[in-house]
């Protein structure tokens, strides 16, 4: 159960880091190209480029960020519920196997806790 929970929560965390890392790589690559070509740019062109860059407004991604956060929290919640239900079903099945699969004598000789330790 821990592995499943860890996988889904770590997946949501990793997704955020991957996007951030890809953006940094993109900016670094663009910057290297700009520095190379910037040395060959005329001063008036450079001023025009600077003006256009300053006029650019960053897009508002708060709605997309909110949607991603909601989807990640839904995924984690669904994973926790699914894994909890699976865990409960496995416990119930193991109790049923122990109770109905063993005779009274065997159940007395091997309590449920020892049976579970042997399974795990």
C-alpha atoms as a PDB file:
ATOM      1  CA  UNK A   1       0.000   0.000   0.000  1.00  0.00           C
ATOM      2  CA  UNK A   2       2.838   2.355   0.838  1.00  0.00           C
ATOM      3  CA  UNK A   3       4.446   1.760  -2.558  1.00  0.00           C
ATOM      4  CA  UNK A   4       1.242   2.648  -4.403  1.00  0.00           C
ATOM      5  CA  UNK A   5       0.642   5.757  -2.299  1.00  0.00           C
ATOM      6  CA  UNK A   6       4.263   6.800  -2.693  1.00  0.00           C
ATOM      7  CA  UNK A   7       4.090   6.284  -6.471  1.00  0.00           C
ATOM      8  CA  UNK A   8       1.053   8.517  -6.979  1.00  0.00           C
ATOM      9  CA  UNK A   9       2.149  11.305  -4.647  1.00  0.00           C
ATOM     10  CA  UNK A  10       5.684  11.256  -5.995  1.00  0.00           C
ATOM     11  CA  UNK A  11       4.286  11.264  -9.551  1.00  0.00           C
ATOM     12  CA  UNK A  12       2.367  14.467  -8.878  1.00  0.00           C
ATOM     13  CA  UNK A  13       5.452  16.050  -7.311  1.00  0.00           C
ATOM     14  CA  UNK A  14       7.725  14.887 -10.128  1.00  0.00           C
ATOM     15  CA  UNK A  15       5.398  16.255 -12.804  1.00  0.00           C
ATOM     16  CA  UNK A  16       5.791  19.743 -11.355  1.00  0.00           C
ATOM     17  CA  UNK A  17       9.584  19.432 -11.224  1.00  0.00           C
ATOM     18  CA  UNK A  18       9.789  18.091 -14.799  1.00  0.00           C
ATOM     19  CA  UNK A  19       7.816  21.026 -16.193  1.00  0.00           C
ATOM     20  CA  UNK A  20       9.981  23.490 -14.280  1.00  0.00           C
ATOM     21  CA  UNK A  21      13.155  21.750 -15.486  1.00  0.00           C
ATOM     22  CA  UNK A  22      12.002  21.761 -19.127  1.00  0.00           C
ATOM     23  CA  UNK A  23      11.234  25.484 -18.937  1.00  0.00           C
ATOM     24  CA  UNK A  24      14.702  26.162 -17.524  1.00  0.00           C
ATOM     25  CA  UNK A  25      16.320  24.128 -20.324  1.00  0.00           C
ATOM     26  CA  UNK A  26      14.280  26.003 -22.934  1.00  0.00           C
ATOM     27  CA  UNK A  27      15.260  29.385 -21.496  1.00  0.00           C
ATOM     28  CA  UNK A  28      18.930  28.369 -21.260  1.00  0.00           C
ATOM     29  CA  UNK A  29      18.975  27.205 -24.894  1.00  0.00           C
ATOM     30  CA  UNK A  30      17.257  30.376 -26.076  1.00  0.00           C
ATOM     31  CA  UNK A  31      19.662  32.519 -24.062  1.00  0.00           C
ATOM     32  CA  UNK A  32      22.717  30.813 -25.584  1.00  0.00           C
ATOM     33  CA  UNK A  33      21.373  31.409 -29.098  1.00  0.00           C
ATOM     34  CA  UNK A  34      20.460  34.990 -28.293  1.00  0.00           C
ATOM     35  CA  UNK A  35      23.920  35.741 -26.897  1.00  0.00           C
ATOM     36  CA  UNK A  36      25.557  34.301 -30.024  1.00  0.00           C
ATOM     37  CA  UNK A  37      23.337  36.196 -32.452  1.00  0.00           C
ATOM     38  CA  UNK A  38      23.156  39.243 -30.183  1.00  0.00           C
ATOM     39  CA  UNK A  39      26.832  39.953 -30.772  1.00  0.00           C
ATOM     40  CA  UNK A  40      26.111  40.309 -34.492  1.00  0.00           C
ATOM     41  CA  UNK A  41      23.060  42.546 -34.016  1.00  0.00           C
ATOM     42  CA  UNK A  42      23.151  46.248 -34.787  1.00  0.00           C
ATOM     43  CA  UNK A  43      22.515  48.634 -31.864  1.00  0.00           C
ATOM     44  CA  UNK A  44      19.226  49.990 -33.253  1.00  0.00           C
ATOM     45  CA  UNK A  45      17.946  46.439 -33.866  1.00  0.00           C
ATOM     46  CA  UNK A  46      18.996  45.605 -30.345  1.00  0.00           C
ATOM     47  CA  UNK A  47      16.922  48.510 -29.006  1.00  0.00           C
ATOM     48  CA  UNK A  48      13.893  47.365 -31.043  1.00  0.00           C
ATOM     49  CA  UNK A  49      14.244  43.838 -29.695  1.00  0.00           C
ATOM     50  CA  UNK A  50      14.565  45.184 -26.156  1.00  0.00           C
ATOM     51  CA  UNK A  51      11.429  47.305 -26.645  1.00  0.00           C
ATOM     52  CA  UNK A  52       9.423  44.324 -27.936  1.00  0.00           C
ATOM     53  CA  UNK A  53      10.609  42.111 -25.085  1.00  0.00           C
ATOM     54  CA  UNK A  54       9.653  44.741 -22.502  1.00  0.00           C
ATOM     55  CA  UNK A  55       6.206  45.107 -24.092  1.00  0.00           C
ATOM     56  CA  UNK A  56       5.495  41.383 -23.821  1.00  0.00           C
ATOM     57  CA  UNK A  57       3.280  40.480 -20.893  1.00  0.00           C
ATOM     58  CA  UNK A  58       3.558  37.052 -19.402  1.00  0.00           C
ATOM     59  CA  UNK A  59       0.458  34.949 -19.969  1.00  0.00           C
ATOM     60  CA  UNK A  60      -1.719  34.356 -16.944  1.00  0.00           C
ATOM     61  CA  UNK A  61      -1.363  30.647 -16.265  1.00  0.00           C
ATOM     62  CA  UNK A  62      -3.054  30.697 -12.882  1.00  0.00           C
ATOM     63  CA  UNK A  63      -6.129  28.960 -14.325  1.00  0.00           C
ATOM     64  CA  UNK A  64      -3.998  26.185 -15.850  1.00  0.00           C
ATOM     65  CA  UNK A  65      -1.989  25.867 -12.629  1.00  0.00           C
ATOM     66  CA  UNK A  66      -5.204  25.607 -10.650  1.00  0.00           C
ATOM     67  CA  UNK A  67      -6.530  22.910 -12.989  1.00  0.00           C
ATOM     68  CA  UNK A  68      -3.294  20.906 -12.734  1.00  0.00           C
ATOM     69  CA  UNK A  69      -3.342  21.208  -8.938  1.00  0.00           C
ATOM     70  CA  UNK A  70      -6.969  20.019  -8.832  1.00  0.00           C
ATOM     71  CA  UNK A  71      -6.208  17.071 -11.117  1.00  0.00           C
ATOM     72  CA  UNK A  72      -3.177  16.096  -9.038  1.00  0.00           C
ATOM     73  CA  UNK A  73      -5.143  16.253  -5.794  1.00  0.00           C
ATOM     74  CA  UNK A  74      -7.947  14.185  -7.380  1.00  0.00           C
ATOM     75  CA  UNK A  75      -5.369  11.647  -8.546  1.00  0.00           C
ATOM     76  CA  UNK A  76      -3.824  11.381  -5.089  1.00  0.00           C
ATOM     77  CA  UNK A  77      -7.254  11.109  -3.450  1.00  0.00           C
ATOM     78  CA  UNK A  78      -8.351   8.416  -5.925  1.00  0.00           C
ATOM     79  CA  UNK A  79      -5.090   6.544  -5.389  1.00  0.00           C
ATOM     80  CA  UNK A  80      -5.494   6.629  -1.609  1.00  0.00           C
ATOM     81  CA  UNK A  81      -9.090   5.405  -1.825  1.00  0.00           C
ATOM     82  CA  UNK A  82      -8.242   2.661  -4.334  1.00  0.00           C
ATOM     83  CA  UNK A  83      -5.241   1.467  -2.374  1.00  0.00           C
ATOM     84  CA  UNK A  84      -7.160   1.544   0.906  1.00  0.00           C
ATOM     85  CA  UNK A  85      -9.993  -0.507  -0.575  1.00  0.00           C
ATOM     86  CA  UNK A  86      -7.476  -2.971  -2.023  1.00  0.00           C
ATOM     87  CA  UNK A  87      -5.756  -3.230   1.353  1.00  0.00           C
ATOM     88  CA  UNK A  88      -9.043  -3.887   3.177  1.00  0.00           C
ATOM     89  CA  UNK A  89     -10.071  -6.513   0.611  1.00  0.00           C
ATOM     90  CA  UNK A  90      -6.700  -8.259   0.946  1.00  0.00           C
ATOM     91  CA  UNK A  91      -6.988  -8.292   4.739  1.00  0.00           C
ATOM     92  CA  UNK A  92     -10.546  -9.675   4.531  1.00  0.00           C
ATOM     93  CA  UNK A  93      -9.476 -12.359   2.063  1.00  0.00           C
ATOM     94  CA  UNK A  94      -6.522 -13.366   4.212  1.00  0.00           C
ATOM     95  CA  UNK A  95      -8.782 -13.613   7.272  1.00  0.00           C
ATOM     96  CA  UNK A  96     -11.230 -15.731   5.254  1.00  0.00           C
ATOM     97  CA  UNK A  97      -8.434 -18.025   4.054  1.00  0.00           C
ATOM     98  CA  UNK A  98      -7.088 -18.345   7.585  1.00  0.00           C
ATOM     99  CA  UNK A  99     -10.509 -18.909   9.154  1.00  0.00           C
ATOM    100  CA  UNK A 100     -12.125 -21.166   6.554  1.00  0.00           C
ATOM    101  CA  UNK A 101      -8.973 -22.780   5.176  1.00  0.00           C
ATOM    102  CA  UNK A 102      -7.622 -23.990   8.504  1.00  0.00           C
ATOM    103  CA  UNK A 103      -9.269 -26.309  10.950  1.00  0.00           C
ATOM    104  CA  UNK A 104      -9.830 -25.208  14.558  1.00  0.00           C
ATOM    105  CA  UNK A 105      -6.746 -27.105  15.583  1.00  0.00           C
ATOM    106  CA  UNK A 106      -4.600 -25.409  12.942  1.00  0.00           C
ATOM    107  CA  UNK A 107      -6.006 -21.978  13.823  1.00  0.00           C
ATOM    108  CA  UNK A 108      -5.159 -22.572  17.470  1.00  0.00           C
ATOM    109  CA  UNK A 109      -1.645 -23.702  16.558  1.00  0.00           C
ATOM    110  CA  UNK A 110      -1.057 -20.779  14.224  1.00  0.00           C
ATOM    111  CA  UNK A 111      -2.784 -17.498  15.161  1.00  0.00           C
ATOM    112  CA  UNK A 112      -3.726 -15.026  12.457  1.00  0.00           C
ATOM    113  CA  UNK A 113      -0.772 -12.738  13.211  1.00  0.00           C
ATOM    114  CA  UNK A 114       1.715 -15.541  12.574  1.00  0.00           C
ATOM    115  CA  UNK A 115      -0.179 -16.470   9.416  1.00  0.00           C
ATOM    116  CA  UNK A 116       0.127 -12.885   8.125  1.00  0.00           C
ATOM    117  CA  UNK A 117       3.822 -12.765   9.000  1.00  0.00           C
ATOM    118  CA  UNK A 118       4.371 -15.881   6.955  1.00  0.00           C
ATOM    119  CA  UNK A 119       2.488 -14.390   3.993  1.00  0.00           C
ATOM    120  CA  UNK A 120       4.390 -11.127   4.130  1.00  0.00           C
END
